[in-house]
Amino acid sequence: MSIEFLFRLVSMLALGVGGLYLGVVVSKLADTTPELWATVFALVGALIGLVVTPYVTTRPARWLRNLISQLPTRMLVAAMVGLVVGLVVAALLSLPLSLLPRPVGQVLPFVAVLVFSWLGISVFVIRQNDIFALFRDRIGPLPAGETAAAGNSPSSVLLDTSVIIDGRIADISQTGFIAATMLVPRFILNELQHIADSPDMLRRNRGRRGLDILNRLQKEAGAPVRITDMNVEGVREADDKLVILAKQLHAAILTTDYNLNKVAGLQGVSVLNINDLANAVKAIVLPGEHMMVKVIQEGKETGQGVGYL
């Protein structure tokens, strides 16, 4: 039995009993027999409890849990500290506010709690980098390795469609060079599925290859791979959504798309381009050095052969 079904049953019984008593009260006010009103209100209450309960209990709780699991630890800590600071300020102001004449003195403390809680969370989340840097400076500098890890390595990396279809990310992830959590937004997954359903055979094969690579990543990658439902409302293009989401999460973008690389870089988003990595790890051969090359086919001219490094 699922927790959602259990909540449905409990709410159905509770609201059904509540509707029964409400029907009796209404029948007394209307000066009629209570059986009809009690039955109608009990059935309506039970129906509301059965249908509406998940939308006000388990589903919001599940959405909140998914949201918290997707937030970077840095942002989550900043939000919690901001909430505590806001509540402390509201508590200090609640006593003088409560001394004001009614009904202002009864309403303002509650309003202060809401306003200062929201203000504390907003300020600490927006300025989280400055706040953490301030504490880090007071505690003292970190060792060189830890400083590099804290300052240069993002906690998560967003994958775009091109890098998934490219496929090299599956082999790179197994080497351990990518330690951050790899996030695949739902809109990227939907774009892959749309490509895989294309009537054009080439696009369809590319889309299916991307889905296979993503499945392989989830099973074999050396770093965690998660599908995230986080979205950017009011933006249609997947690349624009990816850049905005990367800025919100303070994450890097992993891509092979040259245009996305440039656009994201102009907006201050860190970009990891696999093509740049491939160029950086090419073998360097100095003049006069000897190397072994396997010739795999004949060339066009006499004495020519074709081989690869």
C-alpha atoms as a PDB file:
ATOM      1  CA  MET A   1       0.000   0.000   0.000  1.00  0.00           C
ATOM      2  CA  SER A   2       1.477   3.336  -1.084  1.00  0.00           C
ATOM      3  CA  ILE A   3       1.650   6.319   1.243  1.00  0.00           C
ATOM      4  CA  GLU A   4      -0.487   8.329  -1.197  1.00  0.00           C
ATOM      5  CA  PHE A   5      -3.279   5.732  -1.106  1.00  0.00           C
ATOM      6  CA  LEU A   6      -3.108   5.669   2.697  1.00  0.00           C
ATOM      7  CA  PHE A   7      -3.466   9.447   2.830  1.00  0.00           C
ATOM      8  CA  ARG A   8      -6.457   9.202   0.473  1.00  0.00           C
ATOM      9  CA  LEU A   9      -8.206   6.706   2.761  1.00  0.00           C
ATOM     10  CA  VAL A  10      -7.534   8.678   5.947  1.00  0.00           C
ATOM     11  CA  SER A  11      -8.688  11.957   4.385  1.00  0.00           C
ATOM     12  CA  MET A  12     -11.750  10.292   2.871  1.00  0.00           C
ATOM     13  CA  LEU A  13     -12.810   8.983   6.300  1.00  0.00           C
ATOM     14  CA  ALA A  14     -12.001  12.238   8.112  1.00  0.00           C
ATOM     15  CA  LEU A  15     -13.764  14.509   5.625  1.00  0.00           C
ATOM     16  CA  GLY A  16     -16.650  12.052   5.322  1.00  0.00           C
ATOM     17  CA  VAL A  17     -17.238  12.170   9.089  1.00  0.00           C
ATOM     18  CA  GLY A  18     -16.807  15.947   9.044  1.00  0.00           C
ATOM     19  CA  GLY A  19     -19.335  16.223   6.228  1.00  0.00           C
ATOM     20  CA  LEU A  20     -21.746  14.051   8.201  1.00  0.00           C
ATOM     21  CA  TYR A  21     -21.657  16.393  11.194  1.00  0.00           C
ATOM     22  CA  LEU A  22     -21.841  19.444   8.931  1.00  0.00           C
ATOM     23  CA  GLY A  23     -24.924  17.994   7.234  1.00  0.00           C
ATOM     24  CA  VAL A  24     -26.625  17.544  10.607  1.00  0.00           C
ATOM     25  CA  VAL A  25     -25.871  21.183  11.510  1.00  0.00           C
ATOM     26  CA  VAL A  26     -27.171  22.443   8.151  1.00  0.00           C
ATOM     27  CA  SER A  27     -30.356  20.367   8.501  1.00  0.00           C
ATOM     28  CA  LYS A  28     -31.033  21.949  11.889  1.00  0.00           C
ATOM     29  CA  LEU A  29     -30.584  25.422  10.444  1.00  0.00           C
ATOM     30  CA  ALA A  30     -32.857  24.568   7.515  1.00  0.00           C
ATOM     31  CA  ASP A  31     -35.353  22.838   9.849  1.00  0.00           C
ATOM     32  CA  THR A  32     -35.423  19.651   7.727  1.00  0.00           C
ATOM     33  CA  THR A  33     -34.714  15.976   8.313  1.00  0.00           C
ATOM     34  CA  PRO A  34     -30.962  15.400   8.841  1.00  0.00           C
ATOM     35  CA  GLU A  35     -30.672  12.137   6.873  1.00  0.00           C
ATOM     36  CA  LEU A  36     -30.574  13.725   3.403  1.00  0.00           C
ATOM     37  CA  TRP A  37     -28.204  16.573   4.294  1.00  0.00           C
ATOM     38  CA  ALA A  38     -25.919  14.318   6.313  1.00  0.00           C
ATOM     39  CA  THR A  39     -25.696  11.786   3.477  1.00  0.00           C
ATOM     40  CA  VAL A  40     -24.987  14.429   0.817  1.00  0.00           C
ATOM     41  CA  PHE A  41     -22.338  16.257   2.868  1.00  0.00           C
ATOM     42  CA  ALA A  42     -20.697  12.982   3.925  1.00  0.00           C
ATOM     43  CA  LEU A  43     -20.441  11.792   0.303  1.00  0.00           C
ATOM     44  CA  VAL A  44     -19.095  15.158  -0.880  1.00  0.00           C
ATOM     45  CA  GLY A  45     -16.543  15.235   1.941  1.00  0.00           C
ATOM     46  CA  ALA A  46     -15.410  11.680   1.231  1.00  0.00           C
ATOM     47  CA  LEU A  47     -15.101  12.448  -2.498  1.00  0.00           C
ATOM     48  CA  ILE A  48     -13.053  15.581  -1.818  1.00  0.00           C
ATOM     49  CA  GLY A  49     -10.788  13.657   0.546  1.00  0.00           C
ATOM     50  CA  LEU A  50     -10.285  10.880  -2.002  1.00  0.00           C
ATOM     51  CA  VAL A  51      -9.547  13.126  -4.989  1.00  0.00           C
ATOM     52  CA  VAL A  52      -7.962  16.311  -3.616  1.00  0.00           C
ATOM     53  CA  THR A  53      -5.776  14.928  -0.795  1.00  0.00           C
ATOM     54  CA  PRO A  54      -2.671  13.975  -2.890  1.00  0.00           C
ATOM     55  CA  TYR A  55      -2.546  17.464  -4.410  1.00  0.00           C
ATOM     56  CA  VAL A  56      -2.234  19.124  -0.991  1.00  0.00           C
ATOM     57  CA  THR A  57      -0.134  16.499   0.840  1.00  0.00           C
ATOM     58  CA  THR A  58       2.047  13.892  -0.851  1.00  0.00           C
ATOM     59  CA  ARG A  59       2.600  15.527  -4.243  1.00  0.00           C
ATOM     60  CA  PRO A  60       3.746  18.913  -2.889  1.00  0.00           C
ATOM     61  CA  ALA A  61       5.954  17.016  -0.423  1.00  0.00           C
ATOM     62  CA  ARG A  62       7.430  14.947  -3.280  1.00  0.00           C
ATOM     63  CA  TRP A  63       8.014  18.082  -5.363  1.00  0.00           C
ATOM     64  CA  LEU A  64       9.726  19.773  -2.411  1.00  0.00           C
ATOM     65  CA  ARG A  65      11.907  16.713  -1.796  1.00  0.00           C
ATOM     66  CA  ASN A  66      12.978  16.612  -5.461  1.00  0.00           C
ATOM     67  CA  LEU A  67      13.705  20.339  -5.405  1.00  0.00           C
ATOM     68  CA  ILE A  68      15.848  20.052  -2.271  1.00  0.00           C
ATOM     69  CA  SER A  69      17.735  17.061  -3.696  1.00  0.00           C
ATOM     70  CA  GLN A  70      18.583  19.055  -6.839  1.00  0.00           C
ATOM     71  CA  LEU A  71      19.757  22.203  -5.031  1.00  0.00           C
ATOM     72  CA  PRO A  72      23.513  22.573  -4.566  1.00  0.00           C
ATOM     73  CA  THR A  73      24.611  22.111  -0.957  1.00  0.00           C
ATOM     74  CA  ARG A  74      26.046  25.630  -0.932  1.00  0.00           C
ATOM     75  CA  MET A  75      22.695  27.173  -1.875  1.00  0.00           C
ATOM     76  CA  LEU A  76      20.781  24.971   0.587  1.00  0.00           C
ATOM     77  CA  VAL A  77      23.041  25.970   3.493  1.00  0.00           C
ATOM     78  CA  ALA A  78      22.753  29.653   2.541  1.00  0.00           C
ATOM     79  CA  ALA A  79      18.939  29.408   2.435  1.00  0.00           C
ATOM     80  CA  MET A  80      18.771  27.717   5.852  1.00  0.00           C
ATOM     81  CA  VAL A  81      21.083  30.302   7.451  1.00  0.00           C
ATOM     82  CA  GLY A  82      19.075  33.112   5.851  1.00  0.00           C
ATOM     83  CA  LEU A  83      15.832  31.625   7.205  1.00  0.00           C
ATOM     84  CA  VAL A  84      17.264  31.433  10.737  1.00  0.00           C
ATOM     85  CA  VAL A  85      18.529  35.029  10.574  1.00  0.00           C
ATOM     86  CA  GLY A  86      15.166  36.238   9.268  1.00  0.00           C
ATOM     87  CA  LEU A  87      13.261  34.428  12.035  1.00  0.00           C
ATOM     88  CA  VAL A  88      15.582  35.868  14.700  1.00  0.00           C
ATOM     89  CA  VAL A  89      15.024  39.419  13.418  1.00  0.00           C
ATOM     90  CA  ALA A  90      11.250  38.835  13.260  1.00  0.00           C
ATOM     91  CA  ALA A  91      11.262  37.472  16.831  1.00  0.00           C
ATOM     92  CA  LEU A  92      13.097  40.575  18.084  1.00  0.00           C
ATOM     93  CA  LEU A  93      10.527  42.817  16.405  1.00  0.00           C
ATOM     94  CA  SER A  94       7.456  40.795  17.401  1.00  0.00           C
ATOM     95  CA  LEU A  95       7.288  42.136  20.980  1.00  0.00           C
ATOM     96  CA  PRO A  96       7.256  45.880  20.123  1.00  0.00           C
ATOM     97  CA  LEU A  97       4.904  45.213  17.192  1.00  0.00           C
ATOM     98  CA  SER A  98       2.481  43.293  19.415  1.00  0.00           C
ATOM     99  CA  LEU A  99       2.168  46.357  21.711  1.00  0.00           C
ATOM    100  CA  LEU A 100       0.517  48.355  18.925  1.00  0.00           C
ATOM    101  CA  PRO A 101      -3.280  48.823  19.090  1.00  0.00           C
ATOM    102  CA  ARG A 102      -5.496  46.028  17.803  1.00  0.00           C
ATOM    103  CA  PRO A 103      -5.888  44.667  15.172  1.00  0.00           C
ATOM    104  CA  VAL A 104      -2.541  45.996  13.899  1.00  0.00           C
ATOM    105  CA  GLY A 105      -0.659  44.553  16.878  1.00  0.00           C
ATOM    106  CA  GLN A 106      -2.058  41.089  16.169  1.00  0.00           C
ATOM    107  CA  VAL A 107      -1.336  41.061  12.432  1.00  0.00           C
ATOM    108  CA  LEU A 108       2.059  42.775  12.138  1.00  0.00           C
ATOM    109  CA  PRO A 109       4.115  40.114  14.032  1.00  0.00           C
ATOM    110  CA  PHE A 110       2.882  37.448  11.626  1.00  0.00           C
ATOM    111  CA  VAL A 111       3.602  39.699   8.634  1.00  0.00           C
ATOM    112  CA  ALA A 112       7.089  40.392  10.022  1.00  0.00           C
ATOM    113  CA  VAL A 113       7.820  36.651  10.212  1.00  0.00           C
ATOM    114  CA  LEU A 114       6.856  36.172   6.545  1.00  0.00           C
ATOM    115  CA  VAL A 115       8.685  39.269   5.288  1.00  0.00           C
ATOM    116  CA  PHE A 116      11.945  38.779   7.186  1.00  0.00           C
ATOM    117  CA  SER A 117      12.037  35.027   6.460  1.00  0.00           C
ATOM    118  CA  TRP A 118      11.692  35.706   2.736  1.00  0.00           C
ATOM    119  CA  LEU A 119      14.175  38.579   2.929  1.00  0.00           C
ATOM    120  CA  GLY A 120      16.742  36.495   4.816  1.00  0.00           C
ATOM    121  CA  ILE A 121      16.526  33.583   2.373  1.00  0.00           C
ATOM    122  CA  SER A 122      16.710  35.892  -0.664  1.00  0.00           C
ATOM    123  CA  VAL A 123      19.703  37.899   0.563  1.00  0.00           C
ATOM    124  CA  PHE A 124      21.727  34.884   1.667  1.00  0.00           C
ATOM    125  CA  VAL A 125      21.033  32.892  -1.525  1.00  0.00           C
ATOM    126  CA  ILE A 126      21.790  35.827  -3.837  1.00  0.00           C
ATOM    127  CA  ARG A 127      25.002  36.767  -2.014  1.00  0.00           C
ATOM    128  CA  GLN A 128      26.053  33.228  -1.052  1.00  0.00           C
ATOM    129  CA  ASN A 129      29.413  33.452  -2.823  1.00  0.00           C
ATOM    130  CA  ASP A 130      30.374  36.657  -1.001  1.00  0.00           C
ATOM    131  CA  ILE A 131      29.190  35.289   2.358  1.00  0.00           C
ATOM    132  CA  PHE A 132      31.127  32.026   2.033  1.00  0.00           C
ATOM    133  CA  ALA A 133      34.179  33.948   0.835  1.00  0.00           C
ATOM    134  CA  LEU A 134      33.935  36.218   3.898  1.00  0.00           C
ATOM    135  CA  PHE A 135      33.892  33.258   6.287  1.00  0.00           C
ATOM    136  CA  ARG A 136      36.687  31.571   4.363  1.00  0.00           C
ATOM    137  CA  ASP A 137      38.849  34.687   4.675  1.00  0.00           C
ATOM    138  CA  ARG A 138      38.227  34.882   8.441  1.00  0.00           C
ATOM    139  CA  ILE A 139      38.991  31.200   8.991  1.00  0.00           C
ATOM    140  CA  GLY A 140      42.111  31.388   6.873  1.00  0.00           C
ATOM    141  CA  PRO A 141      43.143  30.246   3.410  1.00  0.00           C
ATOM    142  CA  LEU A 142      42.544  26.656   2.427  1.00  0.00           C
ATOM    143  CA  PRO A 143      45.358  24.398   1.262  1.00  0.00           C
ATOM    144  CA  ALA A 144      46.221  24.787  -2.397  1.00  0.00           C
ATOM    145  CA  GLY A 145      44.454  21.618  -3.506  1.00  0.00           C
ATOM    146  CA  GLU A 146      41.287  22.398  -1.558  1.00  0.00           C
ATOM    147  CA  THR A 147      41.240  25.981  -2.800  1.00  0.00           C
ATOM    148  CA  ALA A 148      41.415  24.815  -6.385  1.00  0.00           C
ATOM    149  CA  ALA A 149      38.669  22.297  -5.814  1.00  0.00           C
ATOM    150  CA  ALA A 150      36.416  24.806  -4.063  1.00  0.00           C
ATOM    151  CA  GLY A 151      37.006  27.653  -6.488  1.00  0.00           C
ATOM    152  CA  ASN A 152      37.275  26.020  -9.889  1.00  0.00           C
ATOM    153  CA  SER A 153      35.373  22.733  -9.789  1.00  0.00           C
ATOM    154  CA  PRO A 154      31.585  23.044 -10.142  1.00  0.00           C
ATOM    155  CA  SER A 155      29.497  20.739  -7.982  1.00  0.00           C
ATOM    156  CA  SER A 156      27.368  19.756 -10.980  1.00  0.00           C
ATOM    157  CA  VAL A 157      27.637  19.681 -14.771  1.00  0.00           C
ATOM    158  CA  LEU A 158      24.702  20.087 -17.166  1.00  0.00           C
ATOM    159  CA  LEU A 159      24.774  17.884 -20.281  1.00  0.00           C
ATOM    160  CA  ASP A 160      23.364  19.198 -23.543  1.00  0.00           C
ATOM    161  CA  THR A 161      21.969  17.203 -26.464  1.00  0.00           C
ATOM    162  CA  SER A 162      25.098  17.394 -28.631  1.00  0.00           C
ATOM    163  CA  VAL A 163      27.461  15.916 -26.036  1.00  0.00           C
ATOM    164  CA  ILE A 164      25.084  13.016 -25.323  1.00  0.00           C
ATOM    165  CA  ILE A 165      24.668  12.166 -29.014  1.00  0.00           C
ATOM    166  CA  ASP A 166      28.438  12.540 -29.546  1.00  0.00           C
ATOM    167  CA  GLY A 167      28.968   9.615 -27.158  1.00  0.00           C
ATOM    168  CA  ARG A 168      32.556  10.283 -26.070  1.00  0.00           C
ATOM    169  CA  ILE A 169      31.311  11.450 -22.680  1.00  0.00           C
ATOM    170  CA  ALA A 170      30.516   7.823 -21.789  1.00  0.00           C
ATOM    171  CA  ASP A 171      34.176   6.808 -22.115  1.00  0.00           C
ATOM    172  CA  ILE A 172      35.491  10.006 -20.506  1.00  0.00           C
ATOM    173  CA  SER A 173      33.235   9.589 -17.470  1.00  0.00           C
ATOM    174  CA  GLN A 174      34.664   6.124 -16.818  1.00  0.00           C
ATOM    175  CA  THR A 175      38.199   7.517 -16.536  1.00  0.00           C
ATOM    176  CA  GLY A 176      37.342   9.596 -13.455  1.00  0.00           C
ATOM    177  CA  PHE A 177      38.190  12.969 -15.019  1.00  0.00           C
ATOM    178  CA  ILE A 178      34.628  14.176 -14.307  1.00  0.00           C
ATOM    179  CA  ALA A 179      33.975  14.138 -10.564  1.00  0.00           C
ATOM    180  CA  ALA A 180      30.943  16.464 -10.528  1.00  0.00           C
ATOM    181  CA  THR A 181      27.358  15.227 -10.663  1.00  0.00           C
ATOM    182  CA  MET A 182      26.137  15.119 -14.266  1.00  0.00           C
ATOM    183  CA  LEU A 183      22.620  16.564 -14.588  1.00  0.00           C
ATOM    184  CA  VAL A 184      20.390  15.942 -17.608  1.00  0.00           C
ATOM    185  CA  PRO A 185      17.419  18.361 -17.599  1.00  0.00           C
ATOM    186  CA  ARG A 186      14.059  16.917 -18.564  1.00  0.00           C
ATOM    187  CA  PHE A 187      13.805  19.255 -21.575  1.00  0.00           C
ATOM    188  CA  ILE A 188      17.088  17.826 -22.929  1.00  0.00           C
ATOM    189  CA  LEU A 189      15.710  14.302 -22.516  1.00  0.00           C
ATOM    190  CA  ASN A 190      12.515  15.361 -24.310  1.00  0.00           C
ATOM    191  CA  GLU A 191      14.602  16.830 -27.146  1.00  0.00           C
ATOM    192  CA  LEU A 192      16.502  13.548 -27.469  1.00  0.00           C
ATOM    193  CA  GLN A 193      13.229  11.632 -27.606  1.00  0.00           C
ATOM    194  CA  HIS A 194      11.887  14.036 -30.239  1.00  0.00           C
ATOM    195  CA  ILE A 195      15.004  13.463 -32.368  1.00  0.00           C
ATOM    196  CA  ALA A 196      14.683   9.689 -31.900  1.00  0.00           C
ATOM    197  CA  ASP A 197      11.077   9.868 -33.187  1.00  0.00           C
ATOM    198  CA  SER A 198      12.051  11.885 -36.281  1.00  0.00           C
ATOM    199  CA  PRO A 199      10.929  10.528 -39.689  1.00  0.00           C
ATOM    200  CA  ASP A 200      14.417  11.267 -41.041  1.00  0.00           C
ATOM    201  CA  MET A 201      16.542   8.130 -40.638  1.00  0.00           C
ATOM    202  CA  LEU A 202      19.794   9.973 -39.845  1.00  0.00           C
ATOM    203  CA  ARG A 203      18.189  12.115 -37.128  1.00  0.00           C
ATOM    204  CA  ARG A 204      16.347   9.089 -35.765  1.00  0.00           C
ATOM    205  CA  ASN A 205      19.586   7.113 -35.480  1.00  0.00           C
ATOM    206  CA  ARG A 206      21.313  10.047 -33.770  1.00  0.00           C
ATOM    207  CA  GLY A 207      18.483  10.354 -31.260  1.00  0.00           C
ATOM    208  CA  ARG A 208      18.481   6.650 -30.488  1.00  0.00           C
ATOM    209  CA  ARG A 209      22.252   6.702 -30.085  1.00  0.00           C
ATOM    210  CA  GLY A 210      21.874   9.566 -27.606  1.00  0.00           C
ATOM    211  CA  LEU A 211      19.317   7.612 -25.565  1.00  0.00           C
ATOM    212  CA  ASP A 212      21.613   4.571 -25.566  1.00  0.00           C
ATOM    213  CA  ILE A 213      24.565   6.707 -24.419  1.00  0.00           C
ATOM    214  CA  LEU A 214      22.452   8.208 -21.634  1.00  0.00           C
ATOM    215  CA  ASN A 215      21.412   4.744 -20.488  1.00  0.00           C
ATOM    216  CA  ARG A 216      25.063   3.667 -20.517  1.00  0.00           C
ATOM    217  CA  LEU A 217      26.039   6.752 -18.517  1.00  0.00           C
ATOM    218  CA  GLN A 218      23.518   5.936 -15.800  1.00  0.00           C
ATOM    219  CA  LYS A 219      24.860   2.394 -15.503  1.00  0.00           C
ATOM    220  CA  GLU A 220      28.620   2.786 -16.005  1.00  0.00           C
ATOM    221  CA  ALA A 221      29.646   6.412 -15.356  1.00  0.00           C
ATOM    222  CA  GLY A 222      32.257   7.081 -12.701  1.00  0.00           C
ATOM    223  CA  ALA A 223      30.248  10.097 -11.446  1.00  0.00           C
ATOM    224  CA  PRO A 224      26.553  10.333 -10.464  1.00  0.00           C
ATOM    225  CA  VAL A 225      24.107  10.946 -13.328  1.00  0.00           C
ATOM    226  CA  ARG A 226      20.656  12.372 -12.541  1.00  0.00           C
ATOM    227  CA  ILE A 227      17.619  13.406 -14.554  1.00  0.00           C
ATOM    228  CA  THR A 228      16.349  16.710 -13.178  1.00  0.00           C
ATOM    229  CA  ASP A 229      12.865  18.202 -13.626  1.00  0.00           C
ATOM    230  CA  MET A 230      14.117  21.752 -13.094  1.00  0.00           C
ATOM    231  CA  ASN A 231      12.916  24.014 -15.896  1.00  0.00           C
ATOM    232  CA  VAL A 232      13.039  27.657 -16.949  1.00  0.00           C
ATOM    233  CA  GLU A 233       9.588  29.120 -17.517  1.00  0.00           C
ATOM    234  CA  GLY A 234       9.001  31.536 -20.376  1.00  0.00           C
ATOM    235  CA  VAL A 235      11.983  30.329 -22.463  1.00  0.00           C
ATOM    236  CA  ARG A 236      11.479  28.082 -25.496  1.00  0.00           C
ATOM    237  CA  GLU A 237      14.971  27.280 -26.801  1.00  0.00           C
ATOM    238  CA  ALA A 238      16.738  24.406 -25.043  1.00  0.00           C
ATOM    239  CA  ASP A 239      20.149  26.126 -25.257  1.00  0.00           C
ATOM    240  CA  ASP A 240      18.802  29.291 -23.609  1.00  0.00           C
ATOM    241  CA  LYS A 241      17.186  27.212 -20.860  1.00  0.00           C
ATOM    242  CA  LEU A 242      20.464  25.380 -20.313  1.00  0.00           C
ATOM    243  CA  VAL A 243      22.464  28.598 -19.908  1.00  0.00           C
ATOM    244  CA  ILE A 244      19.940  30.138 -17.484  1.00  0.00           C
ATOM    245  CA  LEU A 245      19.740  26.909 -15.469  1.00  0.00           C
ATOM    246  CA  ALA A 246      23.541  26.712 -15.294  1.00  0.00           C
ATOM    247  CA  LYS A 247      23.674  30.266 -13.916  1.00  0.00           C
ATOM    248  CA  GLN A 248      21.011  29.460 -11.313  1.00  0.00           C
ATOM    249  CA  LEU A 249      22.779  26.290 -10.155  1.00  0.00           C
ATOM    250  CA  HIS A 250      26.321  27.702 -10.523  1.00  0.00           C
ATOM    251  CA  ALA A 251      26.999  24.666 -12.725  1.00  0.00           C
ATOM    252  CA  ALA A 252      29.106  24.115 -15.837  1.00  0.00           C
ATOM    253  CA  ILE A 253      27.783  23.042 -19.244  1.00  0.00           C
ATOM    254  CA  LEU A 254      29.276  20.013 -20.982  1.00  0.00           C
ATOM    255  CA  THR A 255      28.858  20.312 -24.752  1.00  0.00           C
ATOM    256  CA  THR A 256      30.351  19.887 -28.221  1.00  0.00           C
ATOM    257  CA  ASP A 257      28.266  22.733 -29.689  1.00  0.00           C
ATOM    258  CA  TYR A 258      30.517  25.621 -30.760  1.00  0.00           C
ATOM    259  CA  ASN A 259      27.732  28.235 -30.720  1.00  0.00           C
ATOM    260  CA  LEU A 260      26.484  27.189 -27.269  1.00  0.00           C
ATOM    261  CA  ASN A 261      30.092  27.306 -26.067  1.00  0.00           C
ATOM    262  CA  LYS A 262      30.462  30.924 -27.170  1.00  0.00           C
ATOM    263  CA  VAL A 263      27.026  32.095 -25.961  1.00  0.00           C
ATOM    264  CA  ALA A 264      27.465  30.511 -22.524  1.00  0.00           C
ATOM    265  CA  GLY A 265      30.981  31.910 -22.200  1.00  0.00           C
ATOM    266  CA  LEU A 266      29.736  35.437 -22.969  1.00  0.00           C
ATOM    267  CA  GLN A 267      27.227  35.112 -20.109  1.00  0.00           C
ATOM    268  CA  GLY A 268      29.860  33.994 -17.611  1.00  0.00           C
ATOM    269  CA  VAL A 269      28.899  30.308 -17.561  1.00  0.00           C
ATOM    270  CA  SER A 270      31.707  27.762 -17.329  1.00  0.00           C
ATOM    271  CA  VAL A 271      31.777  25.473 -20.380  1.00  0.00           C
ATOM    272  CA  LEU A 272      33.514  22.108 -20.781  1.00  0.00           C
ATOM    273  CA  ASN A 273      33.884  21.338 -24.487  1.00  0.00           C
ATOM    274  CA  ILE A 274      34.897  17.785 -25.365  1.00  0.00           C
ATOM    275  CA  ASN A 275      36.368  18.967 -28.677  1.00  0.00           C
ATOM    276  CA  ASP A 276      38.723  21.270 -26.762  1.00  0.00           C
ATOM    277  CA  LEU A 277      39.657  18.328 -24.549  1.00  0.00           C
ATOM    278  CA  ALA A 278      40.363  16.164 -27.608  1.00  0.00           C
ATOM    279  CA  ASN A 279      42.643  18.841 -29.058  1.00  0.00           C
ATOM    280  CA  ALA A 280      44.443  19.242 -25.739  1.00  0.00           C
ATOM    281  CA  VAL A 281      45.302  15.547 -25.395  1.00  0.00           C
ATOM    282  CA  LYS A 282      46.666  15.016 -28.912  1.00  0.00           C
ATOM    283  CA  ALA A 283      50.007  13.283 -28.973  1.00  0.00           C
ATOM    284  CA  ILE A 284      52.923  15.717 -29.351  1.00  0.00           C
ATOM    285  CA  VAL A 285      55.761  14.502 -31.572  1.00  0.00           C
ATOM    286  CA  LEU A 286      59.031  16.399 -31.799  1.00  0.00           C
ATOM    287  CA  PRO A 287      61.081  16.564 -35.006  1.00  0.00           C
ATOM    288  CA  GLY A 288      63.413  13.583 -35.283  1.00  0.00           C
ATOM    289  CA  GLU A 289      61.370  11.273 -33.018  1.00  0.00           C
ATOM    290  CA  HIS A 290      60.327   7.831 -34.221  1.00  0.00           C
ATOM    291  CA  MET A 291      56.856   6.422 -33.657  1.00  0.00           C
ATOM    292  CA  MET A 292      54.919   3.318 -34.650  1.00  0.00           C
ATOM    293  CA  VAL A 293      51.941   3.829 -36.968  1.00  0.00           C
ATOM    294  CA  LYS A 294      49.784   0.970 -38.236  1.00  0.00           C
ATOM    295  CA  VAL A 295      49.081   1.368 -41.965  1.00  0.00           C
ATOM    296  CA  ILE A 296      45.501   0.237 -42.597  1.00  0.00           C
ATOM    297  CA  GLN A 297      45.086   0.875 -46.335  1.00  0.00           C
ATOM    298  CA  GLU A 298      46.929   1.885 -49.490  1.00  0.00           C
ATOM    299  CA  GLY A 299      47.287   5.519 -50.462  1.00  0.00           C
ATOM    300  CA  LYS A 300      46.548   7.161 -53.804  1.00  0.00           C
ATOM    301  CA  GLU A 301      50.186   7.401 -54.886  1.00  0.00           C
ATOM    302  CA  THR A 302      52.815   4.710 -55.242  1.00  0.00           C
ATOM    303  CA  GLY A 303      54.488   3.955 -51.933  1.00  0.00           C
ATOM    304  CA  GLN A 304      51.772   5.776 -49.949  1.00  0.00           C
ATOM    305  CA  GLY A 305      49.803   4.317 -47.072  1.00  0.00           C
ATOM    306  CA  VAL A 306      47.073   5.585 -44.726  1.00  0.00           C
ATOM    307  CA  GLY A 307      47.398   5.192 -40.976  1.00  0.00           C
ATOM    308  CA  TYR A 308      46.180   6.819 -37.772  1.00  0.00           C
ATOM    309  CA  LEU A 309      47.954   7.844 -34.587  1.00  0.00           C
END
